[in-house]
C-alpha atoms as a PDB file:
ATOM      1  CA  MET A   1     -18.832   0.255  11.225  1.00  0.00           C
ATOM      2  CA  ASP A   2     -15.942   0.758  13.668  1.00  0.00           C
ATOM      3  CA  SER A   3     -16.877  -2.441  15.511  1.00  0.00           C
ATOM      4  CA  GLN A   4     -16.801  -4.341  12.212  1.00  0.00           C
ATOM      5  CA  ARG A   5     -13.308  -3.246  11.210  1.00  0.00           C
ATOM      6  CA  GLU A   6     -10.917  -6.145  10.630  1.00  0.00           C
ATOM      7  CA  THR A   7      -7.308  -6.628   9.566  1.00  0.00           C
ATOM      8  CA  HIS A   8      -7.475  -9.153   6.754  1.00  0.00           C
ATOM      9  CA  THR A   9      -4.983  -7.291   4.584  1.00  0.00           C
ATOM     10  CA  ILE A  10      -3.545  -7.943   1.154  1.00  0.00           C
ATOM     11  CA  ARG A  11      -0.180  -8.729   2.741  1.00  0.00           C
ATOM     12  CA  SER A  12      -1.565 -11.288   5.194  1.00  0.00           C
ATOM     13  CA  HIS A  13      -4.314 -12.968   3.148  1.00  0.00           C
ATOM     14  CA  GLY A  14      -4.014 -11.687  -0.425  1.00  0.00           C
ATOM     15  CA  LEU A  15      -1.828 -14.422  -1.894  1.00  0.00           C
ATOM     16  CA  ALA A  16      -3.847 -17.261  -0.397  1.00  0.00           C
ATOM     17  CA  LEU A  17      -7.077 -15.654  -1.556  1.00  0.00           C
ATOM     18  CA  ALA A  18      -5.776 -15.247  -5.107  1.00  0.00           C
ATOM     19  CA  ARG A  19      -4.711 -18.898  -5.204  1.00  0.00           C
ATOM     20  CA  THR A  20      -8.142 -19.990  -4.023  1.00  0.00           C
ATOM     21  CA  HIS A  21      -9.825 -18.120  -6.874  1.00  0.00           C
ATOM     22  CA  ILE A  22      -7.229 -18.733  -9.590  1.00  0.00           C
ATOM     23  CA  HIS A  23      -9.772 -20.555 -11.746  1.00  0.00           C
ATOM     24  CA  ASP A  24     -12.176 -17.610 -11.506  1.00  0.00           C
ATOM     25  CA  TRP A  25      -9.476 -15.246 -12.777  1.00  0.00           C
ATOM     26  CA  LEU A  26      -8.652 -17.612 -15.639  1.00  0.00           C
ATOM     27  CA  ILE A  27     -12.308 -17.779 -16.673  1.00  0.00           C
ATOM     28  CA  LEU A  28     -12.439 -13.994 -16.441  1.00  0.00           C
ATOM     29  CA  SER A  29      -9.527 -13.768 -18.891  1.00  0.00           C
ATOM     30  CA  LEU A  30     -11.345 -16.149 -21.219  1.00  0.00           C
ATOM     31  CA  LEU A  31     -14.477 -13.977 -21.102  1.00  0.00           C
ATOM     32  CA  LEU A  32     -12.403 -10.923 -21.994  1.00  0.00           C
ATOM     33  CA  ALA A  33     -10.907 -12.721 -25.004  1.00  0.00           C
ATOM     34  CA  ILE A  34     -14.348 -13.896 -26.195  1.00  0.00           C
ATOM     35  CA  MET A  35     -15.735 -10.390 -25.844  1.00  0.00           C
ATOM     36  CA  ILE A  36     -12.919  -8.917 -27.944  1.00  0.00           C
ATOM     37  CA  ILE A  37     -13.363 -11.568 -30.652  1.00  0.00           C
ATOM     38  CA  LEU A  38     -17.132 -10.992 -30.813  1.00  0.00           C
ATOM     39  CA  SER A  39     -16.603  -7.251 -31.157  1.00  0.00           C
ATOM     40  CA  LEU A  40     -14.521  -7.877 -34.308  1.00  0.00           C
ATOM     41  CA  VAL A  41     -17.025 -10.242 -35.929  1.00  0.00           C
ATOM     42  CA  HIS A  42     -19.146  -8.779 -38.725  1.00  0.00           C
ATOM     43  CA  PRO A  43     -22.795  -8.750 -37.624  1.00  0.00           C
ATOM     44  CA  PHE A  44     -25.682 -10.319 -39.515  1.00  0.00           C
ATOM     45  CA  ASN A  45     -26.273  -8.364 -42.728  1.00  0.00           C
ATOM     46  CA  ARG A  46     -29.975  -7.687 -42.264  1.00  0.00           C
ATOM     47  CA  TYR A  47     -32.150  -6.739 -45.225  1.00  0.00           C
ATOM     48  CA  VAL A  48     -32.803  -3.000 -45.376  1.00  0.00           C
ATOM     49  CA  GLY A  49     -35.239  -1.869 -48.063  1.00  0.00           C
ATOM     50  CA  ARG A  50     -36.053   1.548 -49.425  1.00  0.00           C
ATOM     51  CA  ASP A  51     -39.282   1.811 -47.433  1.00  0.00           C
ATOM     52  CA  MET A  52     -37.441   0.972 -44.227  1.00  0.00           C
ATOM     53  CA  MET A  53     -34.985   3.821 -44.620  1.00  0.00           C
ATOM     54  CA  THR A  54     -37.436   6.299 -43.121  1.00  0.00           C
ATOM     55  CA  ASP A  55     -36.458   5.104 -39.631  1.00  0.00           C
ATOM     56  CA  PHE A  56     -32.730   5.140 -40.411  1.00  0.00           C
ATOM     57  CA  LYS A  57     -32.245   8.658 -41.809  1.00  0.00           C
ATOM     58  CA  TYR A  58     -31.327  10.389 -38.561  1.00  0.00           C
ATOM     59  CA  PRO A  59     -28.139  12.479 -38.720  1.00  0.00           C
ATOM     60  CA  LEU A  60     -24.758  10.903 -38.041  1.00  0.00           C
ATOM     61  CA  THR A  61     -23.495  12.842 -35.006  1.00  0.00           C
ATOM     62  CA  ASP A  62     -20.693  12.511 -32.478  1.00  0.00           C
ATOM     63  CA  SER A  63     -21.312  10.611 -29.264  1.00  0.00           C
ATOM     64  CA  THR A  64     -21.792  12.628 -26.098  1.00  0.00           C
ATOM     65  CA  ILE A  65     -20.248   9.752 -24.137  1.00  0.00           C
ATOM     66  CA  PRO A  66     -17.386   8.200 -26.167  1.00  0.00           C
ATOM     67  CA  PHE A  67     -17.038   4.460 -25.716  1.00  0.00           C
ATOM     68  CA  TRP A  68     -13.521   4.753 -24.274  1.00  0.00           C
ATOM     69  CA  THR A  69     -14.994   6.601 -21.276  1.00  0.00           C
ATOM     70  CA  VAL A  70     -17.350   3.732 -20.393  1.00  0.00           C
ATOM     71  CA  PRO A  71     -14.709   1.586 -18.617  1.00  0.00           C
ATOM     72  CA  LEU A  72     -13.629   4.668 -16.647  1.00  0.00           C
ATOM     73  CA  TYR A  73     -16.960   5.185 -14.877  1.00  0.00           C
ATOM     74  CA  ALA A  74     -18.315   1.608 -15.111  1.00  0.00           C
ATOM     75  CA  VAL A  75     -15.177  -0.254 -13.968  1.00  0.00           C
ATOM     76  CA  PHE A  76     -12.428   1.980 -12.580  1.00  0.00           C
ATOM     77  CA  LEU A  77     -14.734   4.287 -10.603  1.00  0.00           C
ATOM     78  CA  PRO A  78     -16.333   1.366  -8.670  1.00  0.00           C
ATOM     79  CA  ILE A  79     -12.885  -0.134  -8.075  1.00  0.00           C
ATOM     80  CA  GLY A  80     -11.820   3.217  -6.614  1.00  0.00           C
ATOM     81  CA  VAL A  81     -14.756   3.023  -4.199  1.00  0.00           C
ATOM     82  CA  PHE A  82     -13.787  -0.555  -3.283  1.00  0.00           C
ATOM     83  CA  LEU A  83     -10.239   0.598  -2.538  1.00  0.00           C
ATOM     84  CA  ALA A  84     -11.559   3.387  -0.325  1.00  0.00           C
ATOM     85  CA  PHE A  85     -13.515   0.895   1.773  1.00  0.00           C
ATOM     86  CA  TYR A  86     -10.472  -1.377   1.925  1.00  0.00           C
ATOM     87  CA  HIS A  87      -8.384   1.519   3.227  1.00  0.00           C
ATOM     88  CA  TYR A  88     -10.970   2.019   5.975  1.00  0.00           C
ATOM     89  CA  ARG A  89     -11.710  -1.584   6.962  1.00  0.00           C
ATOM     90  CA  ARG A  90      -8.586  -3.498   5.895  1.00  0.00           C
ATOM     91  CA  ASP A  91     -10.638  -6.403   4.590  1.00  0.00           C
ATOM     92  CA  VAL A  92      -9.034  -8.056   1.580  1.00  0.00           C
ATOM     93  CA  TYR A  93     -12.014 -10.405   1.238  1.00  0.00           C
ATOM     94  CA  ASP A  94     -14.277  -7.456   0.566  1.00  0.00           C
ATOM     95  CA  LEU A  95     -11.867  -5.869  -1.913  1.00  0.00           C
ATOM     96  CA  HIS A  96     -11.098  -9.076  -3.795  1.00  0.00           C
ATOM     97  CA  HIS A  97     -14.689 -10.280  -4.122  1.00  0.00           C
ATOM     98  CA  ALA A  98     -15.996  -6.842  -5.010  1.00  0.00           C
ATOM     99  CA  VAL A  99     -13.462  -6.459  -7.834  1.00  0.00           C
ATOM    100  CA  LEU A 100     -13.981 -10.037  -9.017  1.00  0.00           C
ATOM    101  CA  GLY A 101     -17.768  -9.712  -8.942  1.00  0.00           C
ATOM    102  CA  LEU A 102     -17.668  -6.381 -10.779  1.00  0.00           C
ATOM    103  CA  LEU A 103     -15.413  -7.707 -13.541  1.00  0.00           C
ATOM    104  CA  PHE A 104     -17.543 -10.807 -13.964  1.00  0.00           C
ATOM    105  CA  ALA A 105     -20.674  -8.665 -14.206  1.00  0.00           C
ATOM    106  CA  VAL A 106     -19.130  -6.370 -16.817  1.00  0.00           C
ATOM    107  CA  PHE A 107     -17.430  -9.070 -18.905  1.00  0.00           C
ATOM    108  CA  ILE A 108     -20.437 -11.404 -18.949  1.00  0.00           C
ATOM    109  CA  THR A 109     -22.563  -8.425 -19.939  1.00  0.00           C
ATOM    110  CA  GLY A 110     -20.076  -7.597 -22.686  1.00  0.00           C
ATOM    111  CA  VAL A 111     -20.112 -11.137 -24.079  1.00  0.00           C
ATOM    112  CA  ILE A 112     -23.926 -11.294 -24.081  1.00  0.00           C
ATOM    113  CA  THR A 113     -24.236  -7.834 -25.617  1.00  0.00           C
ATOM    114  CA  GLU A 114     -21.746  -8.447 -28.415  1.00  0.00           C
ATOM    115  CA  ALA A 115     -23.207 -11.884 -29.191  1.00  0.00           C
ATOM    116  CA  ILE A 116     -26.725 -10.468 -29.526  1.00  0.00           C
ATOM    117  CA  LYS A 117     -25.458  -7.531 -31.587  1.00  0.00           C
ATOM    118  CA  ASP A 118     -23.824  -9.900 -34.070  1.00  0.00           C
ATOM    119  CA  ALA A 119     -26.834 -12.208 -34.210  1.00  0.00           C
ATOM    120  CA  VAL A 120     -29.505  -9.501 -34.626  1.00  0.00           C
ATOM    121  CA  GLY A 121     -27.715  -7.029 -36.896  1.00  0.00           C
ATOM    122  CA  ARG A 122     -30.274  -4.270 -36.365  1.00  0.00           C
ATOM    123  CA  PRO A 123     -29.434  -1.021 -38.205  1.00  0.00           C
ATOM    124  CA  ARG A 124     -28.832   2.098 -36.168  1.00  0.00           C
ATOM    125  CA  PRO A 125     -31.039   5.188 -36.563  1.00  0.00           C
ATOM    126  CA  ASP A 126     -28.224   6.871 -38.547  1.00  0.00           C
ATOM    127  CA  PHE A 127     -27.663   3.857 -40.825  1.00  0.00           C
ATOM    128  CA  PHE A 128     -28.612   5.741 -44.028  1.00  0.00           C
ATOM    129  CA  TRP A 129     -25.679   8.146 -43.707  1.00  0.00           C
ATOM    130  CA  ARG A 130     -23.333   5.341 -42.762  1.00  0.00           C
ATOM    131  CA  CYS A 131     -24.372   3.411 -45.841  1.00  0.00           C
ATOM    132  CA  PHE A 132     -24.615   6.398 -48.214  1.00  0.00           C
ATOM    133  CA  PRO A 133     -22.312   9.171 -46.915  1.00  0.00           C
ATOM    134  CA  ASP A 134     -22.918  11.209 -50.067  1.00  0.00           C
ATOM    135  CA  GLY A 135     -26.699  10.944 -49.682  1.00  0.00           C
ATOM    136  CA  LYS A 136     -27.149   8.962 -52.928  1.00  0.00           C
ATOM    137  CA  ASP A 137     -28.913   5.716 -52.064  1.00  0.00           C
ATOM    138  CA  LEU A 138     -28.596   2.596 -54.198  1.00  0.00           C
ATOM    139  CA  TYR A 139     -30.488  -0.707 -54.074  1.00  0.00           C
ATOM    140  CA  ASP A 140     -30.256  -4.076 -55.767  1.00  0.00           C
ATOM    141  CA  ARG A 141     -33.024  -5.851 -57.667  1.00  0.00           C
ATOM    142  CA  TRP A 142     -34.525  -7.198 -54.425  1.00  0.00           C
ATOM    143  CA  GLY A 143     -34.650  -3.724 -52.932  1.00  0.00           C
ATOM    144  CA  ASP A 144     -31.790  -4.275 -50.488  1.00  0.00           C
ATOM    145  CA  VAL A 145     -29.242  -1.523 -49.934  1.00  0.00           C
ATOM    146  CA  ILE A 146     -25.917  -1.455 -51.768  1.00  0.00           C
ATOM    147  CA  CYS A 147     -23.720   0.515 -49.385  1.00  0.00           C
ATOM    148  CA  HIS A 148     -20.688   2.433 -50.590  1.00  0.00           C
ATOM    149  CA  GLY A 149     -19.538   3.936 -47.294  1.00  0.00           C
ATOM    150  CA  ASP A 150     -16.642   3.007 -45.040  1.00  0.00           C
ATOM    151  CA  ILE A 151     -16.701  -0.725 -44.239  1.00  0.00           C
ATOM    152  CA  ASP A 152     -16.023  -0.309 -40.522  1.00  0.00           C
ATOM    153  CA  VAL A 153     -18.627   2.435 -40.191  1.00  0.00           C
ATOM    154  CA  ILE A 154     -21.200   0.263 -41.966  1.00  0.00           C
ATOM    155  CA  ARG A 155     -20.309  -2.715 -39.782  1.00  0.00           C
ATOM    156  CA  GLN A 156     -20.924  -0.672 -36.641  1.00  0.00           C
ATOM    157  CA  GLY A 157     -24.152   0.552 -38.207  1.00  0.00           C
ATOM    158  CA  HIS A 158     -25.542  -2.993 -37.954  1.00  0.00           C
ATOM    159  CA  LYS A 159     -24.940  -3.165 -34.180  1.00  0.00           C
ATOM    160  CA  SER A 160     -27.843  -1.222 -32.775  1.00  0.00           C
ATOM    161  CA  PHE A 161     -29.462  -3.830 -30.512  1.00  0.00           C
ATOM    162  CA  PRO A 162     -28.711  -3.956 -27.645  1.00  0.00           C
ATOM    163  CA  SER A 163     -26.895  -0.813 -26.559  1.00  0.00           C
ATOM    164  CA  GLY A 164     -23.393  -1.534 -25.307  1.00  0.00           C
ATOM    165  CA  HIS A 165     -23.177   1.798 -23.470  1.00  0.00           C
ATOM    166  CA  SER A 166     -26.385   0.997 -21.615  1.00  0.00           C
ATOM    167  CA  SER A 167     -25.530  -2.596 -20.739  1.00  0.00           C
ATOM    168  CA  TRP A 168     -22.034  -1.743 -19.488  1.00  0.00           C
ATOM    169  CA  SER A 169     -23.283   1.274 -17.541  1.00  0.00           C
ATOM    170  CA  PHE A 170     -26.060  -0.591 -15.762  1.00  0.00           C
ATOM    171  CA  SER A 171     -23.762  -3.539 -15.136  1.00  0.00           C
ATOM    172  CA  GLY A 172     -20.890  -1.623 -13.525  1.00  0.00           C
ATOM    173  CA  LEU A 173     -22.871   1.164 -11.873  1.00  0.00           C
ATOM    174  CA  GLY A 174     -25.643  -1.238 -10.870  1.00  0.00           C
ATOM    175  CA  PHE A 175     -23.063  -3.376  -9.077  1.00  0.00           C
ATOM    176  CA  LEU A 176     -21.716  -0.235  -7.401  1.00  0.00           C
ATOM    177  CA  SER A 177     -25.223   0.722  -6.289  1.00  0.00           C
ATOM    178  CA  LEU A 178     -25.735  -2.687  -4.667  1.00  0.00           C
ATOM    179  CA  TYR A 179     -22.308  -2.493  -3.024  1.00  0.00           C
ATOM    180  CA  LEU A 180     -22.995   0.937  -1.541  1.00  0.00           C
ATOM    181  CA  SER A 181     -26.444  -0.045  -0.320  1.00  0.00           C
ATOM    182  CA  GLY A 182     -24.880  -2.901   1.630  1.00  0.00           C
ATOM    183  CA  LYS A 183     -22.036  -0.845   3.059  1.00  0.00           C
ATOM    184  CA  ILE A 184     -24.183   2.047   4.307  1.00  0.00           C
ATOM    185  CA  LYS A 185     -26.977  -0.342   5.400  1.00  0.00           C
ATOM    186  CA  ALA A 186     -29.583   1.490   3.382  1.00  0.00           C
ATOM    187  CA  PHE A 187     -32.263  -1.104   4.147  1.00  0.00           C
ATOM    188  CA  ASN A 188     -31.734  -1.631   7.898  1.00  0.00           C
ATOM    189  CA  ARG A 189     -35.322  -0.508   8.658  1.00  0.00           C
ATOM    190  CA  GLU A 190     -34.234   2.653  10.443  1.00  0.00           C
ATOM    191  CA  GLY A 191     -35.942   4.897   7.906  1.00  0.00           C
ATOM    192  CA  HIS A 192     -32.938   6.938   6.732  1.00  0.00           C
ATOM    193  CA  VAL A 193     -34.292   7.866   3.302  1.00  0.00           C
ATOM    194  CA  ALA A 194     -31.236  10.035   2.596  1.00  0.00           C
ATOM    195  CA  LYS A 195     -29.216   6.852   2.127  1.00  0.00           C
ATOM    196  CA  LEU A 196     -31.322   6.054  -0.933  1.00  0.00           C
ATOM    197  CA  CYS A 197     -29.903   9.132  -2.660  1.00  0.00           C
ATOM    198  CA  ILE A 198     -26.456   7.515  -2.493  1.00  0.00           C
ATOM    199  CA  VAL A 199     -27.862   4.195  -3.721  1.00  0.00           C
ATOM    200  CA  PHE A 200     -29.804   5.686  -6.656  1.00  0.00           C
ATOM    201  CA  PHE A 201     -27.113   8.095  -7.865  1.00  0.00           C
ATOM    202  CA  PRO A 202     -25.093   5.478  -9.834  1.00  0.00           C
ATOM    203  CA  LEU A 203     -28.329   4.246 -11.425  1.00  0.00           C
ATOM    204  CA  LEU A 204     -29.220   7.816 -12.406  1.00  0.00           C
ATOM    205  CA  VAL A 205     -25.851   8.170 -14.147  1.00  0.00           C
ATOM    206  CA  ALA A 206     -26.481   4.923 -16.024  1.00  0.00           C
ATOM    207  CA  CYS A 207     -29.920   6.186 -17.102  1.00  0.00           C
ATOM    208  CA  LEU A 208     -28.452   9.451 -18.397  1.00  0.00           C
ATOM    209  CA  VAL A 209     -25.833   7.551 -20.395  1.00  0.00           C
ATOM    210  CA  ALA A 210     -28.575   5.406 -21.957  1.00  0.00           C
ATOM    211  CA  ILE A 211     -30.656   8.476 -22.803  1.00  0.00           C
ATOM    212  CA  SER A 212     -27.647  10.119 -24.451  1.00  0.00           C
ATOM    213  CA  ARG A 213     -27.433   7.202 -26.881  1.00  0.00           C
ATOM    214  CA  VAL A 214     -30.969   7.909 -28.069  1.00  0.00           C
ATOM    215  CA  ASP A 215     -30.301  11.665 -28.200  1.00  0.00           C
ATOM    216  CA  ASN A 216     -27.217  11.039 -30.355  1.00  0.00           C
ATOM    217  CA  TYR A 217     -29.316   8.867 -32.729  1.00  0.00           C
ATOM    218  CA  ARG A 218     -26.986   5.924 -32.121  1.00  0.00           C
ATOM    219  CA  HIS A 219     -29.722   3.669 -30.747  1.00  0.00           C
ATOM    220  CA  HIS A 220     -33.460   3.171 -30.747  1.00  0.00           C
ATOM    221  CA  TRP A 221     -35.233   3.305 -27.396  1.00  0.00           C
ATOM    222  CA  GLN A 222     -35.697  -0.473 -27.461  1.00  0.00           C
ATOM    223  CA  ASP A 223     -31.922  -0.871 -27.711  1.00  0.00           C
ATOM    224  CA  VAL A 224     -31.156   1.033 -24.510  1.00  0.00           C
ATOM    225  CA  VAL A 225     -33.981  -0.674 -22.599  1.00  0.00           C
ATOM    226  CA  GLY A 226     -32.698  -4.100 -23.642  1.00  0.00           C
ATOM    227  CA  GLY A 227     -29.104  -3.190 -22.831  1.00  0.00           C
ATOM    228  CA  GLY A 228     -30.059  -1.786 -19.443  1.00  0.00           C
ATOM    229  CA  PHE A 229     -32.007  -4.929 -18.586  1.00  0.00           C
ATOM    230  CA  ILE A 230     -29.054  -7.165 -19.483  1.00  0.00           C
ATOM    231  CA  GLY A 231     -26.634  -5.042 -17.458  1.00  0.00           C
ATOM    232  CA  ILE A 232     -28.665  -4.754 -14.266  1.00  0.00           C
ATOM    233  CA  THR A 233     -29.538  -8.458 -14.362  1.00  0.00           C
ATOM    234  CA  MET A 234     -25.881  -9.478 -14.563  1.00  0.00           C
ATOM    235  CA  ALA A 235     -25.011  -6.998 -11.803  1.00  0.00           C
ATOM    236  CA  VAL A 236     -27.553  -8.549  -9.439  1.00  0.00           C
ATOM    237  CA  PHE A 237     -26.536 -12.134 -10.225  1.00  0.00           C
ATOM    238  CA  CYS A 238     -22.806 -11.496  -9.807  1.00  0.00           C
ATOM    239  CA  TYR A 239     -23.235  -9.401  -6.665  1.00  0.00           C
ATOM    240  CA  LEU A 240     -25.306 -12.073  -4.922  1.00  0.00           C
ATOM    241  CA  GLN A 241     -22.622 -14.621  -5.774  1.00  0.00           C
ATOM    242  CA  PHE A 242     -20.236 -12.910  -3.336  1.00  0.00           C
ATOM    243  CA  PHE A 243     -22.402 -10.764  -1.041  1.00  0.00           C
ATOM    244  CA  ALA A 244     -25.634 -11.199   0.879  1.00  0.00           C
ATOM    245  CA  PRO A 245     -28.633  -9.078  -0.250  1.00  0.00           C
ATOM    246  CA  PRO A 246     -28.318  -5.452   0.939  1.00  0.00           C
ATOM    247  CA  TYR A 247     -31.329  -5.793   3.238  1.00  0.00           C
ATOM    248  CA  HIS A 248     -29.745  -8.769   5.045  1.00  0.00           C
ATOM    249  CA  ALA A 249     -28.211  -8.286   8.495  1.00  0.00           C
ATOM    250  CA  GLU A 250     -24.830  -9.365   7.081  1.00  0.00           C
ATOM    251  CA  GLY A 251     -25.282  -7.499   3.809  1.00  0.00           C
ATOM    252  CA  TRP A 252     -22.424  -5.109   4.605  1.00  0.00           C
ATOM    253  CA  GLY A 253     -19.740  -7.755   4.011  1.00  0.00           C
ATOM    254  CA  PRO A 254     -18.934 -10.654   1.680  1.00  0.00           C
ATOM    255  CA  TYR A 255     -19.709 -14.261   2.524  1.00  0.00           C
ATOM    256  CA  ALA A 256     -15.985 -15.038   2.681  1.00  0.00           C
ATOM    257  CA  PHE A 257     -15.403 -12.477   5.429  1.00  0.00           C
ATOM    258  CA  PHE A 258     -17.948 -14.033   7.773  1.00  0.00           C
ATOM    259  CA  HIS A 259     -16.667 -17.514   6.939  1.00  0.00           C
ATOM    260  CA  ALA A 260     -13.090 -16.487   7.745  1.00  0.00           C
ATOM    261  CA  LYS A 261     -14.246 -14.804  10.948  1.00  0.00           C
ATOM    262  CA  GLU A 262     -16.182 -17.909  11.987  1.00  0.00           C
ATOM    263  CA  MET A 263     -13.207 -20.161  11.297  1.00  0.00           C
ATOM    264  CA  SER A 264     -10.978 -17.809  13.305  1.00  0.00           C
ATOM    265  CA  GLN A 265     -13.354 -17.963  16.269  1.00  0.00           C
ATOM    266  CA  VAL A 266     -13.514 -21.765  16.069  1.00  0.00           C
ATOM    267  CA  SER A 267      -9.724 -21.983  15.959  1.00  0.00           C
ATOM    268  CA  GLY A 268      -9.454 -19.653  18.930  1.00  0.00           C
ATOM    269  CA  LEU A 269     -11.998 -21.669  20.904  1.00  0.00           C
ATOM    270  CA  THR A 270     -10.204 -24.909  20.097  1.00  0.00           C
ATOM    271  CA  ALA A 271      -6.886 -23.472  21.208  1.00  0.00           C
ATOM    272  CA  ALA A 272      -8.446 -22.211  24.445  1.00  0.00           C
ATOM    273  CA  CYS A 273      -9.955 -25.628  25.165  1.00  0.00           C
ATOM    274  CA  ASP A 274      -6.637 -27.342  24.502  1.00  0.00           C
ATOM    275  CA  ALA A 275      -4.862 -24.921  26.832  1.00  0.00           C
ATOM    276  CA  ALA A 276      -7.476 -25.399  29.551  1.00  0.00           C
ATOM    277  CA  GLY A 277      -7.220 -29.187  29.233  1.00  0.00           C
ATOM    278  CA  GLN A 278      -3.465 -29.084  29.467  1.00  0.00           C
ATOM    279  CA  GLU A 279      -3.665 -26.873  32.536  1.00  0.00           C
ATOM    280  CA  GLU A 280      -6.144 -29.268  34.171  1.00  0.00           C
ATOM    281  CA  ILE A 281      -3.810 -32.201  33.558  1.00  0.00           C
ATOM    282  CA  GLU A 282      -0.853 -30.319  35.007  1.00  0.00           C
ATOM    283  CA  HIS A 283      -2.803 -29.476  38.199  1.00  0.00           C
ATOM    284  CA  GLY A 284      -4.002 -33.031  38.821  1.00  0.00           C
ATOM    285  CA  GLY A 285      -7.499 -32.783  37.401  1.00  0.00           C
ATOM    286  CA  ILE A 286      -6.778 -35.895  35.317  1.00  0.00           C
ATOM    287  CA  ARG A 287      -3.984 -38.230  36.391  1.00  0.00           C
ATOM    288  CA  SER A 288      -3.064 -41.824  35.725  1.00  0.00           C
ATOM    289  CA  ASP A 289      -0.866 -44.539  37.160  1.00  0.00           C
ATOM    290  CA  ASN A 290      -0.121 -48.139  36.339  1.00  0.00           C
ATOM    291  CA  LYS A 291      -3.341 -49.519  37.842  1.00  0.00           C
ATOM    292  CA  SER A 292      -6.132 -47.021  37.161  1.00  0.00           C
ATOM    293  CA  VAL A 293      -6.983 -43.590  35.856  1.00  0.00           C
ATOM    294  CA  MET A 294      -8.282 -40.988  38.298  1.00  0.00           C
ATOM    295  CA  VAL A 295     -10.901 -38.375  37.315  1.00  0.00           C
ATOM    296  CA  ARG A 296     -12.440 -35.577  39.332  1.00  0.00           C
ATOM    297  CA  SER A 297     -16.118 -35.980  40.207  1.00  0.00           C
ATOM    298  CA  PHE A 298     -18.665 -33.179  40.388  1.00  0.00           C
ATOM    299  CA  ASP A 299     -18.278 -32.785  44.164  1.00  0.00           C
ATOM    300  CA  GLY A 300     -14.517 -32.378  43.831  1.00  0.00           C
ATOM    301  CA  SER A 301     -13.491 -35.862  45.059  1.00  0.00           C
ATOM    302  CA  ASP A 302     -11.352 -38.204  43.001  1.00  0.00           C
ATOM    303  CA  MET A 303     -12.548 -41.599  41.812  1.00  0.00           C
ATOM    304  CA  SER A 304     -11.017 -44.116  39.489  1.00  0.00           C
ATOM    305  CA  LEU A 305     -12.446 -45.284  36.204  1.00  0.00           C
ATOM    306  CA  ASP A 306     -12.634 -48.791  37.737  1.00  0.00           C
ATOM    307  CA  ASN A 307     -14.975 -47.487  40.455  1.00  0.00           C
ATOM    308  CA  LEU A 308     -17.108 -45.781  37.821  1.00  0.00           C
ATOM    309  CA  GLU A 309     -17.372 -48.981  35.857  1.00  0.00           C
ATOM    310  CA  SER A 310     -18.291 -50.947  39.004  1.00  0.00           C
ATOM    311  CA  ALA A 311     -20.985 -48.457  39.903  1.00  0.00           C
ATOM    312  CA  ARG A 312     -22.364 -48.585  36.342  1.00  0.00           C
ATOM    313  CA  LYS A 313     -22.621 -52.371  36.564  1.00  0.00           C
END
């Protein structure tokens, strides 16, 4: 990619680029606020009867992957990769659009995930011990549970579907996988299968995170499948908003980079034409006086515009 290295730096183009996408950053802030609000809303209090408790009596264990680690590998790790490519290519368009696309993918995924969690209210596999920490279950006259555990623990116990770990992981790491596949040209038809190992590694990490949620009895298998589907779908949509598909000839860079390069070439061509025209005027290629304007014919001789008009008539 040495021949594709450019110098669109943060110092030269960063401020103008940020101003162009100011509305995108404002909407991104709004999505973050909505996601936080939805995470604090109490989910739908779904009916849970005595006979249903068989599926919700799994032990309440610690998470192998704590939730605070999810932004580290799903957001900050991809941004670190984006910065590494920026250090190599000096293309602020690539850095800006990669970060913006990643954040949109993750935040939209977060809003959708939290909204569905609140609307569905599905109990987690360990809901029994969240509801009855002492193991003594209690039900009302309709057979619904009467929980006497911690309120916050019970509230989280109604947020099984879809899995937030899975959706965030597949969103952030899925975006990273698409980004890497474009940068290393994994689908350039040269048959370098080893490149696929780099492309699939982030997806493997996302799969292992999703599996850990089932192993920790925090989610049912349907929860992680649904969360993974939401995450990878948002990753694809947001990536294609800024970058060409990885198999495309221009899939290694963002649309904005090629647009800026095209505009730069057009400006350079226009300037060259203006300079050539000015030089032609100065050397007598086009000259005028009070009576007629002289132009140079194809054989090198001069003729006036009046002669041209007479010949045309």
